[in-house]
Amino acid sequence: VTDEMFAEAEKEFPINTPKTKEAYYYRQIFDEM
């Protein structure tokens, strides 16, 4: 997860917005499935 991606976390994931890059990565995988 890049800094640019993480900066858009709230826009990308308005439900349960990830608070860390680790959480962001798991969320990306989840939303694919």
PDB file of all heavy atoms in Angstrom:
ATOM      1  N   VAL A   1       0.847  -1.191   0.000  1.00  0.00           N
ATOM      2  CA  VAL A   1       0.000   0.000   0.000  1.00  0.00           C
ATOM      3  C   VAL A   1       0.886   1.247   0.000  1.00  0.00           C
ATOM      4  O   VAL A   1       1.678   1.449   0.915  1.00  0.00           O
ATOM      5  CB  VAL A   1      -0.932   0.008   1.235  1.00  0.00           C
ATOM      6  CG1 VAL A   1      -1.830   1.243   1.214  1.00  0.00           C
ATOM      7  CG2 VAL A   1      -1.770  -1.271   1.283  1.00  0.00           C
ATOM      8  N   THR A   2       0.725   2.080  -1.018  1.00  0.00           N
ATOM      9  CA  THR A   2       1.508   3.310  -1.098  1.00  0.00           C
ATOM     10  C   THR A   2       0.892   4.395  -0.214  1.00  0.00           C
ATOM     11  O   THR A   2      -0.262   4.298   0.202  1.00  0.00           O
ATOM     12  CB  THR A   2       1.560   3.835  -2.544  1.00  0.00           C
ATOM     13  OG1 THR A   2       0.234   4.225  -2.943  1.00  0.00           O
ATOM     14  CG2 THR A   2       2.088   2.761  -3.497  1.00  0.00           C
ATOM     15  N   ASP A   3       1.671   5.434   0.043  1.00  0.00           N
ATOM     16  CA  ASP A   3       1.166   6.560   0.823  1.00  0.00           C
ATOM     17  C   ASP A   3      -0.028   7.208   0.123  1.00  0.00           C
ATOM     18  O   ASP A   3      -0.994   7.622   0.775  1.00  0.00           O
ATOM     19  CB  ASP A   3       2.270   7.606   1.022  1.00  0.00           C
ATOM     20  CG  ASP A   3       3.385   7.102   1.935  1.00  0.00           C
ATOM     21  OD1 ASP A   3       3.149   6.137   2.687  1.00  0.00           O
ATOM     22  OD2 ASP A   3       4.493   7.679   1.885  1.00  0.00           O
ATOM     23  N   GLU A   4       0.043   7.270  -1.204  1.00  0.00           N
ATOM     24  CA  GLU A   4      -1.033   7.883  -1.976  1.00  0.00           C
ATOM     25  C   GLU A   4      -2.327   7.062  -1.848  1.00  0.00           C
ATOM     26  O   GLU A   4      -3.428   7.624  -1.705  1.00  0.00           O
ATOM     27  CB  GLU A   4      -0.640   8.016  -3.448  1.00  0.00           C
ATOM     28  CG  GLU A   4       0.486   9.006  -3.725  1.00  0.00           C
ATOM     29  CD  GLU A   4       1.857   8.481  -3.338  1.00  0.00           C
ATOM     30  OE1 GLU A   4       1.987   7.246  -3.133  1.00  0.00           O
ATOM     31  OE2 GLU A   4       2.791   9.294  -3.226  1.00  0.00           O
ATOM     32  N   MET A   5      -2.189   5.755  -1.914  1.00  0.00           N
ATOM     33  CA  MET A   5      -3.362   4.895  -1.752  1.00  0.00           C
ATOM     34  C   MET A   5      -3.968   5.054  -0.360  1.00  0.00           C
ATOM     35  O   MET A   5      -5.189   5.197  -0.214  1.00  0.00           O
ATOM     36  CB  MET A   5      -2.965   3.430  -1.980  1.00  0.00           C
ATOM     37  CG  MET A   5      -2.555   3.100  -3.410  1.00  0.00           C
ATOM     38  SD  MET A   5      -1.667   1.511  -3.538  1.00  0.00           S
ATOM     39  CE  MET A   5      -2.921   0.366  -3.002  1.00  0.00           C
ATOM     40  N   PHE A   6      -3.126   5.042   0.650  1.00  0.00           N
ATOM     41  CA  PHE A   6      -3.619   5.111   2.027  1.00  0.00           C
ATOM     42  C   PHE A   6      -4.284   6.452   2.318  1.00  0.00           C
ATOM     43  O   PHE A   6      -5.234   6.519   3.104  1.00  0.00           O
ATOM     44  CB  PHE A   6      -2.472   4.858   3.009  1.00  0.00           C
ATOM     45  CG  PHE A   6      -2.920   4.679   4.421  1.00  0.00           C
ATOM     46  CD1 PHE A   6      -3.773   3.643   4.777  1.00  0.00           C
ATOM     47  CD2 PHE A   6      -2.509   5.557   5.412  1.00  0.00           C
ATOM     48  CE1 PHE A   6      -4.207   3.488   6.082  1.00  0.00           C
ATOM     49  CE2 PHE A   6      -2.935   5.409   6.718  1.00  0.00           C
ATOM     50  CZ  PHE A   6      -3.784   4.368   7.062  1.00  0.00           C
ATOM     51  N   ALA A   7      -3.809   7.511   1.666  1.00  0.00           N
ATOM     52  CA  ALA A   7      -4.401   8.837   1.867  1.00  0.00           C
ATOM     53  C   ALA A   7      -5.848   8.877   1.390  1.00  0.00           C
ATOM     54  O   ALA A   7      -6.642   9.712   1.839  1.00  0.00           O
ATOM     55  CB  ALA A   7      -3.565   9.897   1.140  1.00  0.00           C
ATOM     56  N   GLU A   8      -6.203   7.978   0.456  1.00  0.00           N
ATOM     57  CA  GLU A   8      -7.565   7.930  -0.081  1.00  0.00           C
ATOM     58  C   GLU A   8      -8.405   6.839   0.582  1.00  0.00           C
ATOM     59  O   GLU A   8      -9.455   6.459   0.059  1.00  0.00           O
ATOM     60  CB  GLU A   8      -7.502   7.669  -1.589  1.00  0.00           C
ATOM     61  CG  GLU A   8      -6.773   8.736  -2.388  1.00  0.00           C
ATOM     62  CD  GLU A   8      -7.541  10.044  -2.372  1.00  0.00           C
ATOM     63  OE1 GLU A   8      -8.777  10.001  -2.545  1.00  0.00           O
ATOM     64  OE2 GLU A   8      -6.909  11.100  -2.180  1.00  0.00           O
ATOM     65  N   ALA A   9      -7.952   6.346   1.729  1.00  0.00           N
ATOM     66  CA  ALA A   9      -8.621   5.203   2.372  1.00  0.00           C
ATOM     67  C   ALA A   9     -10.087   5.478   2.678  1.00  0.00           C
ATOM     68  O   ALA A   9     -10.955   4.637   2.427  1.00  0.00           O
ATOM     69  CB  ALA A   9      -7.881   4.820   3.653  1.00  0.00           C
ATOM     70  N   GLU A  10     -10.392   6.647   3.183  1.00  0.00           N
ATOM     71  CA  GLU A  10     -11.775   6.946   3.553  1.00  0.00           C
ATOM     72  C   GLU A  10     -12.682   7.020   2.336  1.00  0.00           C
ATOM     73  O   GLU A  10     -13.839   6.599   2.376  1.00  0.00           O
ATOM     74  CB  GLU A  10     -11.835   8.249   4.340  1.00  0.00           C
ATOM     75  CG  GLU A  10     -13.196   8.508   4.956  1.00  0.00           C
ATOM     76  CD  GLU A  10     -13.175   9.641   5.954  1.00  0.00           C
ATOM     77  OE1 GLU A  10     -12.102  10.226   6.185  1.00  0.00           O
ATOM     78  OE2 GLU A  10     -14.248   9.947   6.503  1.00  0.00           O
ATOM     79  N   LYS A  11     -12.150   7.550   1.245  1.00  0.00           N
ATOM     80  CA  LYS A  11     -12.926   7.619   0.019  1.00  0.00           C
ATOM     81  C   LYS A  11     -13.112   6.227  -0.596  1.00  0.00           C
ATOM     82  O   LYS A  11     -14.191   5.888  -1.099  1.00  0.00           O
ATOM     83  CB  LYS A  11     -12.231   8.540  -0.983  1.00  0.00           C
ATOM     84  CG  LYS A  11     -13.007   8.759  -2.273  1.00  0.00           C
ATOM     85  CD  LYS A  11     -12.212   9.598  -3.266  1.00  0.00           C
ATOM     86  CE  LYS A  11     -11.910  10.981  -2.716  1.00  0.00           C
ATOM     87  NZ  LYS A  11     -11.213  11.829  -3.725  1.00  0.00           N
ATOM     88  N   GLU A  12     -12.058   5.417  -0.543  1.00  0.00           N
ATOM     89  CA  GLU A  12     -12.098   4.081  -1.134  1.00  0.00           C
ATOM     90  C   GLU A  12     -12.951   3.125  -0.308  1.00  0.00           C
ATOM     91  O   GLU A  12     -13.678   2.294  -0.851  1.00  0.00           O
ATOM     92  CB  GLU A  12     -10.669   3.530  -1.256  1.00  0.00           C
ATOM     93  CG  GLU A  12     -10.569   2.179  -1.935  1.00  0.00           C
ATOM     94  CD  GLU A  12     -10.837   2.236  -3.422  1.00  0.00           C
ATOM     95  OE1 GLU A  12     -10.824   3.347  -3.997  1.00  0.00           O
ATOM     96  OE2 GLU A  12     -11.070   1.162  -4.013  1.00  0.00           O
ATOM     97  N   PHE A  13     -12.859   3.256   1.017  1.00  0.00           N
ATOM     98  CA  PHE A  13     -13.558   2.326   1.908  1.00  0.00           C
ATOM     99  C   PHE A  13     -14.317   3.111   2.983  1.00  0.00           C
ATOM    100  O   PHE A  13     -13.871   3.205   4.135  1.00  0.00           O
ATOM    101  CB  PHE A  13     -12.566   1.368   2.573  1.00  0.00           C
ATOM    102  CG  PHE A  13     -11.714   0.589   1.614  1.00  0.00           C
ATOM    103  CD1 PHE A  13     -10.345   0.820   1.538  1.00  0.00           C
ATOM    104  CD2 PHE A  13     -12.270  -0.368   0.781  1.00  0.00           C
ATOM    105  CE1 PHE A  13      -9.549   0.109   0.656  1.00  0.00           C
ATOM    106  CE2 PHE A  13     -11.482  -1.093  -0.103  1.00  0.00           C
ATOM    107  CZ  PHE A  13     -10.115  -0.855  -0.169  1.00  0.00           C
ATOM    108  N   PRO A  14     -15.465   3.671   2.647  1.00  0.00           N
ATOM    109  CA  PRO A  14     -16.208   4.480   3.633  1.00  0.00           C
ATOM    110  C   PRO A  14     -16.771   3.656   4.787  1.00  0.00           C
ATOM    111  O   PRO A  14     -17.010   4.193   5.868  1.00  0.00           O
ATOM    112  CB  PRO A  14     -17.332   5.102   2.800  1.00  0.00           C
ATOM    113  CG  PRO A  14     -17.469   4.220   1.602  1.00  0.00           C
ATOM    114  CD  PRO A  14     -16.104   3.691   1.314  1.00  0.00           C
ATOM    115  N   ILE A  15     -16.977   2.366   4.580  1.00  0.00           N
ATOM    116  CA  ILE A  15     -17.446   1.481   5.647  1.00  0.00           C
ATOM    117  C   ILE A  15     -16.227   0.874   6.332  1.00  0.00           C
ATOM    118  O   ILE A  15     -15.382   0.255   5.683  1.00  0.00           O
ATOM    119  CB  ILE A  15     -18.344   0.358   5.081  1.00  0.00           C
ATOM    120  CG1 ILE A  15     -19.584   0.952   4.414  1.00  0.00           C
ATOM    121  CG2 ILE A  15     -18.746  -0.620   6.185  1.00  0.00           C
ATOM    122  CD1 ILE A  15     -20.414  -0.071   3.663  1.00  0.00           C
ATOM    123  N   ASN A  16     -16.121   1.040   7.647  1.00  0.00           N
ATOM    124  CA  ASN A  16     -14.975   0.502   8.394  1.00  0.00           C
ATOM    125  C   ASN A  16     -13.649   0.910   7.745  1.00  0.00           C
ATOM    126  O   ASN A  16     -12.816   0.061   7.396  1.00  0.00           O
ATOM    127  CB  ASN A  16     -15.051  -1.026   8.496  1.00  0.00           C
ATOM    128  CG  ASN A  16     -16.033  -1.498   9.541  1.00  0.00           C
ATOM    129  OD1 ASN A  16     -16.400  -0.755  10.448  1.00  0.00           O
ATOM    130  ND2 ASN A  16     -16.472  -2.732   9.423  1.00  0.00           N
ATOM    131  N   THR A  17     -13.426   2.179   7.577  1.00  0.00           N
ATOM    132  CA  THR A  17     -12.219   2.679   6.919  1.00  0.00           C
ATOM    133  C   THR A  17     -10.962   2.136   7.591  1.00  0.00           C
ATOM    134  O   THR A  17     -10.819   2.238   8.818  1.00  0.00           O
ATOM    135  CB  THR A  17     -12.183   4.218   6.961  1.00  0.00           C
ATOM    136  OG1 THR A  17     -13.368   4.723   6.343  1.00  0.00           O
ATOM    137  CG2 THR A  17     -10.968   4.751   6.223  1.00  0.00           C
ATOM    138  N   PRO A  18     -10.036   1.535   6.835  1.00  0.00           N
ATOM    139  CA  PRO A  18      -8.792   1.004   7.421  1.00  0.00           C
ATOM    140  C   PRO A  18      -7.973   2.108   8.080  1.00  0.00           C
ATOM    141  O   PRO A  18      -7.828   3.200   7.528  1.00  0.00           O
ATOM    142  CB  PRO A  18      -8.054   0.419   6.216  1.00  0.00           C
ATOM    143  CG  PRO A  18      -9.095   0.227   5.161  1.00  0.00           C
ATOM    144  CD  PRO A  18     -10.120   1.282   5.387  1.00  0.00           C
ATOM    145  N   LYS A  19      -7.417   1.784   9.245  1.00  0.00           N
ATOM    146  CA  LYS A  19      -6.625   2.758   9.990  1.00  0.00           C
ATOM    147  C   LYS A  19      -5.124   2.564   9.814  1.00  0.00           C
ATOM    148  O   LYS A  19      -4.326   3.400  10.247  1.00  0.00           O
ATOM    149  CB  LYS A  19      -6.971   2.673  11.486  1.00  0.00           C
ATOM    150  CG  LYS A  19      -8.444   2.900  11.797  1.00  0.00           C
ATOM    151  CD  LYS A  19      -8.923   4.264  11.338  1.00  0.00           C
ATOM    152  CE  LYS A  19     -10.386   4.486  11.707  1.00  0.00           C
ATOM    153  NZ  LYS A  19     -10.903   5.779  11.194  1.00  0.00           N
ATOM    154  N   THR A  20      -4.725   1.450   9.219  1.00  0.00           N
ATOM    155  CA  THR A  20      -3.311   1.181   8.958  1.00  0.00           C
ATOM    156  C   THR A  20      -3.163   0.618   7.551  1.00  0.00           C
ATOM    157  O   THR A  20      -4.137   0.146   6.952  1.00  0.00           O
ATOM    158  CB  THR A  20      -2.734   0.158   9.955  1.00  0.00           C
ATOM    159  OG1 THR A  20      -3.378  -1.116   9.742  1.00  0.00           O
ATOM    160  CG2 THR A  20      -2.942   0.605  11.397  1.00  0.00           C
ATOM    161  N   LYS A  21      -1.942   0.641   7.034  1.00  0.00           N
ATOM    162  CA  LYS A  21      -1.701   0.067   5.711  1.00  0.00           C
ATOM    163  C   LYS A  21      -1.927  -1.444   5.722  1.00  0.00           C
ATOM    164  O   LYS A  21      -2.393  -2.018   4.731  1.00  0.00           O
ATOM    165  CB  LYS A  21      -0.285   0.389   5.254  1.00  0.00           C
ATOM    166  CG  LYS A  21      -0.064   1.851   4.869  1.00  0.00           C
ATOM    167  CD  LYS A  21       1.329   2.065   4.303  1.00  0.00           C
ATOM    168  CE  LYS A  21       1.508   3.503   3.827  1.00  0.00           C
ATOM    169  NZ  LYS A  21       2.861   3.738   3.253  1.00  0.00           N
ATOM    170  N   GLU A  22      -1.604  -2.089   6.824  1.00  0.00           N
ATOM    171  CA  GLU A  22      -1.858  -3.524   6.935  1.00  0.00           C
ATOM    172  C   GLU A  22      -3.349  -3.805   6.768  1.00  0.00           C
ATOM    173  O   GLU A  22      -3.753  -4.688   5.998  1.00  0.00           O
ATOM    174  CB  GLU A  22      -1.373  -4.043   8.293  1.00  0.00           C
ATOM    175  CG  GLU A  22      -1.635  -5.528   8.496  1.00  0.00           C
ATOM    176  CD  GLU A  22      -1.357  -5.988   9.919  1.00  0.00           C
ATOM    177  OE1 GLU A  22      -1.157  -5.125  10.809  1.00  0.00           O
ATOM    178  OE2 GLU A  22      -1.363  -7.212  10.154  1.00  0.00           O
ATOM    179  N   ALA A  23      -4.184  -3.040   7.471  1.00  0.00           N
ATOM    180  CA  ALA A  23      -5.634  -3.214   7.374  1.00  0.00           C
ATOM    181  C   ALA A  23      -6.139  -2.904   5.969  1.00  0.00           C
ATOM    182  O   ALA A  23      -7.055  -3.561   5.461  1.00  0.00           O
ATOM    183  CB  ALA A  23      -6.333  -2.313   8.394  1.00  0.00           C
ATOM    184  N   TYR A  24      -5.548  -1.909   5.326  1.00  0.00           N
ATOM    185  CA  TYR A  24      -5.924  -1.527   3.964  1.00  0.00           C
ATOM    186  C   TYR A  24      -5.693  -2.693   2.996  1.00  0.00           C
ATOM    187  O   TYR A  24      -6.535  -2.986   2.139  1.00  0.00           O
ATOM    188  CB  TYR A  24      -5.098  -0.309   3.545  1.00  0.00           C
ATOM    189  CG  TYR A  24      -5.520   0.365   2.256  1.00  0.00           C
ATOM    190  CD1 TYR A  24      -6.183   1.588   2.286  1.00  0.00           C
ATOM    191  CD2 TYR A  24      -5.234  -0.199   1.010  1.00  0.00           C
ATOM    192  CE1 TYR A  24      -6.569   2.219   1.094  1.00  0.00           C
ATOM    193  CE2 TYR A  24      -5.609   0.428  -0.171  1.00  0.00           C
ATOM    194  CZ  TYR A  24      -6.269   1.635  -0.121  1.00  0.00           C
ATOM    195  OH  TYR A  24      -6.639   2.256  -1.290  1.00  0.00           O
ATOM    196  N   TYR A  25      -4.571  -3.356   3.138  1.00  0.00           N
ATOM    197  CA  TYR A  25      -4.232  -4.466   2.246  1.00  0.00           C
ATOM    198  C   TYR A  25      -5.235  -5.613   2.379  1.00  0.00           C
ATOM    199  O   TYR A  25      -5.736  -6.143   1.378  1.00  0.00           O
ATOM    200  CB  TYR A  25      -2.823  -4.958   2.560  1.00  0.00           C
ATOM    201  CG  TYR A  25      -2.377  -6.141   1.743  1.00  0.00           C
ATOM    202  CD1 TYR A  25      -2.354  -6.089   0.348  1.00  0.00           C
ATOM    203  CD2 TYR A  25      -1.967  -7.323   2.362  1.00  0.00           C
ATOM    204  CE1 TYR A  25      -1.932  -7.176  -0.410  1.00  0.00           C
ATOM    205  CE2 TYR A  25      -1.548  -8.412   1.613  1.00  0.00           C
ATOM    206  CZ  TYR A  25      -1.533  -8.338   0.232  1.00  0.00           C
ATOM    207  OH  TYR A  25      -1.124  -9.419  -0.508  1.00  0.00           O
ATOM    208  N   TYR A  26      -5.575  -5.982   3.605  1.00  0.00           N
ATOM    209  CA  TYR A  26      -6.554  -7.056   3.809  1.00  0.00           C
ATOM    210  C   TYR A  26      -7.920  -6.654   3.247  1.00  0.00           C
ATOM    211  O   TYR A  26      -8.639  -7.477   2.678  1.00  0.00           O
ATOM    212  CB  TYR A  26      -6.690  -7.404   5.291  1.00  0.00           C
ATOM    213  CG  TYR A  26      -5.410  -7.792   5.979  1.00  0.00           C
ATOM    214  CD1 TYR A  26      -5.219  -7.554   7.340  1.00  0.00           C
ATOM    215  CD2 TYR A  26      -4.363  -8.405   5.285  1.00  0.00           C
ATOM    216  CE1 TYR A  26      -4.052  -7.904   7.986  1.00  0.00           C
ATOM    217  CE2 TYR A  26      -3.180  -8.755   5.922  1.00  0.00           C
ATOM    218  CZ  TYR A  26      -3.035  -8.496   7.275  1.00  0.00           C
ATOM    219  OH  TYR A  26      -1.866  -8.840   7.910  1.00  0.00           O
ATOM    220  N   ARG A  27      -8.240  -5.382   3.400  1.00  0.00           N
ATOM    221  CA  ARG A  27      -9.521  -4.904   2.908  1.00  0.00           C
ATOM    222  C   ARG A  27      -9.590  -4.953   1.380  1.00  0.00           C
ATOM    223  O   ARG A  27     -10.644  -5.279   0.803  1.00  0.00           O
ATOM    224  CB  ARG A  27      -9.756  -3.473   3.393  1.00  0.00           C
ATOM    225  CG  ARG A  27     -11.101  -2.881   2.981  1.00  0.00           C
ATOM    226  CD  ARG A  27     -12.287  -3.706   3.525  1.00  0.00           C
ATOM    227  NE  ARG A  27     -13.546  -3.091   3.155  1.00  0.00           N
ATOM    228  CZ  ARG A  27     -14.110  -2.075   3.807  1.00  0.00           C
ATOM    229  NH1 ARG A  27     -13.523  -1.571   4.892  1.00  0.00           N
ATOM    230  NH2 ARG A  27     -15.244  -1.576   3.401  1.00  0.00           N
ATOM    231  N   GLN A  28      -8.491  -4.646   0.725  1.00  0.00           N
ATOM    232  CA  GLN A  28      -8.459  -4.748  -0.738  1.00  0.00           C
ATOM    233  C   GLN A  28      -8.779  -6.164  -1.196  1.00  0.00           C
ATOM    234  O   GLN A  28      -9.573  -6.373  -2.116  1.00  0.00           O
ATOM    235  CB  GLN A  28      -7.075  -4.347  -1.263  1.00  0.00           C
ATOM    236  CG  GLN A  28      -6.777  -2.867  -1.267  1.00  0.00           C
ATOM    237  CD  GLN A  28      -5.396  -2.598  -1.830  1.00  0.00           C
ATOM    238  OE1 GLN A  28      -4.397  -3.181  -1.396  1.00  0.00           O
ATOM    239  NE2 GLN A  28      -5.328  -1.713  -2.808  1.00  0.00           N
ATOM    240  N   ILE A  29      -8.161  -7.136  -0.563  1.00  0.00           N
ATOM    241  CA  ILE A  29      -8.377  -8.537  -0.927  1.00  0.00           C
ATOM    242  C   ILE A  29      -9.827  -8.927  -0.656  1.00  0.00           C
ATOM    243  O   ILE A  29     -10.478  -9.583  -1.480  1.00  0.00           O
ATOM    244  CB  ILE A  29      -7.412  -9.446  -0.140  1.00  0.00           C
ATOM    245  CG1 ILE A  29      -5.951  -9.123  -0.500  1.00  0.00           C
ATOM    246  CG2 ILE A  29      -7.712 -10.912  -0.416  1.00  0.00           C
ATOM    247  CD1 ILE A  29      -4.938  -9.830   0.367  1.00  0.00           C
ATOM    248  N   PHE A  30     -10.332  -8.524   0.493  1.00  0.00           N
ATOM    249  CA  PHE A  30     -11.718  -8.852   0.863  1.00  0.00           C
ATOM    250  C   PHE A  30     -12.705  -8.311  -0.163  1.00  0.00           C
ATOM    251  O   PHE A  30     -13.617  -9.022  -0.605  1.00  0.00           O
ATOM    252  CB  PHE A  30     -12.022  -8.283   2.247  1.00  0.00           C
ATOM    253  CG  PHE A  30     -13.437  -8.510   2.707  1.00  0.00           C
ATOM    254  CD1 PHE A  30     -13.768  -9.642   3.427  1.00  0.00           C
ATOM    255  CD2 PHE A  30     -14.442  -7.587   2.434  1.00  0.00           C
ATOM    256  CE1 PHE A  30     -15.075  -9.857   3.859  1.00  0.00           C
ATOM    257  CE2 PHE A  30     -15.749  -7.786   2.853  1.00  0.00           C
ATOM    258  CZ  PHE A  30     -16.063  -8.926   3.576  1.00  0.00           C
ATOM    259  N   ASP A  31     -12.521  -7.057  -0.558  1.00  0.00           N
ATOM    260  CA  ASP A  31     -13.481  -6.442  -1.479  1.00  0.00           C
ATOM    261  C   ASP A  31     -13.440  -7.056  -2.874  1.00  0.00           C
ATOM    262  O   ASP A  31     -14.426  -7.002  -3.605  1.00  0.00           O
ATOM    263  CB  ASP A  31     -13.229  -4.931  -1.561  1.00  0.00           C
ATOM    264  CG  ASP A  31     -13.939  -4.179  -0.448  1.00  0.00           C
ATOM    265  OD1 ASP A  31     -14.176  -4.796   0.616  1.00  0.00           O
ATOM    266  OD2 ASP A  31     -14.252  -2.991  -0.619  1.00  0.00           O
ATOM    267  N   GLU A  32     -12.307  -7.645  -3.248  1.00  0.00           N
ATOM    268  CA  GLU A  32     -12.245  -8.373  -4.517  1.00  0.00           C
ATOM    269  C   GLU A  32     -13.151  -9.597  -4.473  1.00  0.00           C
ATOM    270  O   GLU A  32     -13.800  -9.945  -5.466  1.00  0.00           O
ATOM    271  CB  GLU A  32     -10.813  -8.822  -4.797  1.00  0.00           C
ATOM    272  CG  GLU A  32      -9.838  -7.704  -5.118  1.00  0.00           C
ATOM    273  CD  GLU A  32      -8.408  -8.214  -5.198  1.00  0.00           C
ATOM    274  OE1 GLU A  32      -8.232  -9.453  -5.280  1.00  0.00           O
ATOM    275  OE2 GLU A  32      -7.477  -7.395  -5.152  1.00  0.00           O
ATOM    276  N   MET A  33     -13.197 -10.248  -3.314  1.00  0.00           N
ATOM    277  CA  MET A  33     -13.948 -11.493  -3.176  1.00  0.00           C
ATOM    278  C   MET A  33     -15.404 -11.272  -2.766  1.00  0.00           C
ATOM    279  O   MET A  33     -16.293 -12.023  -3.152  1.00  0.00           O
ATOM    280  CB  MET A  33     -13.269 -12.382  -2.129  1.00  0.00           C
ATOM    281  CG  MET A  33     -11.842 -12.757  -2.461  1.00  0.00           C
ATOM    282  SD  MET A  33     -11.063 -13.601  -1.066  1.00  0.00           S
ATOM    283  CE  MET A  33      -9.456 -13.983  -1.769  1.00  0.00           C
TER     284      MET A  33
END
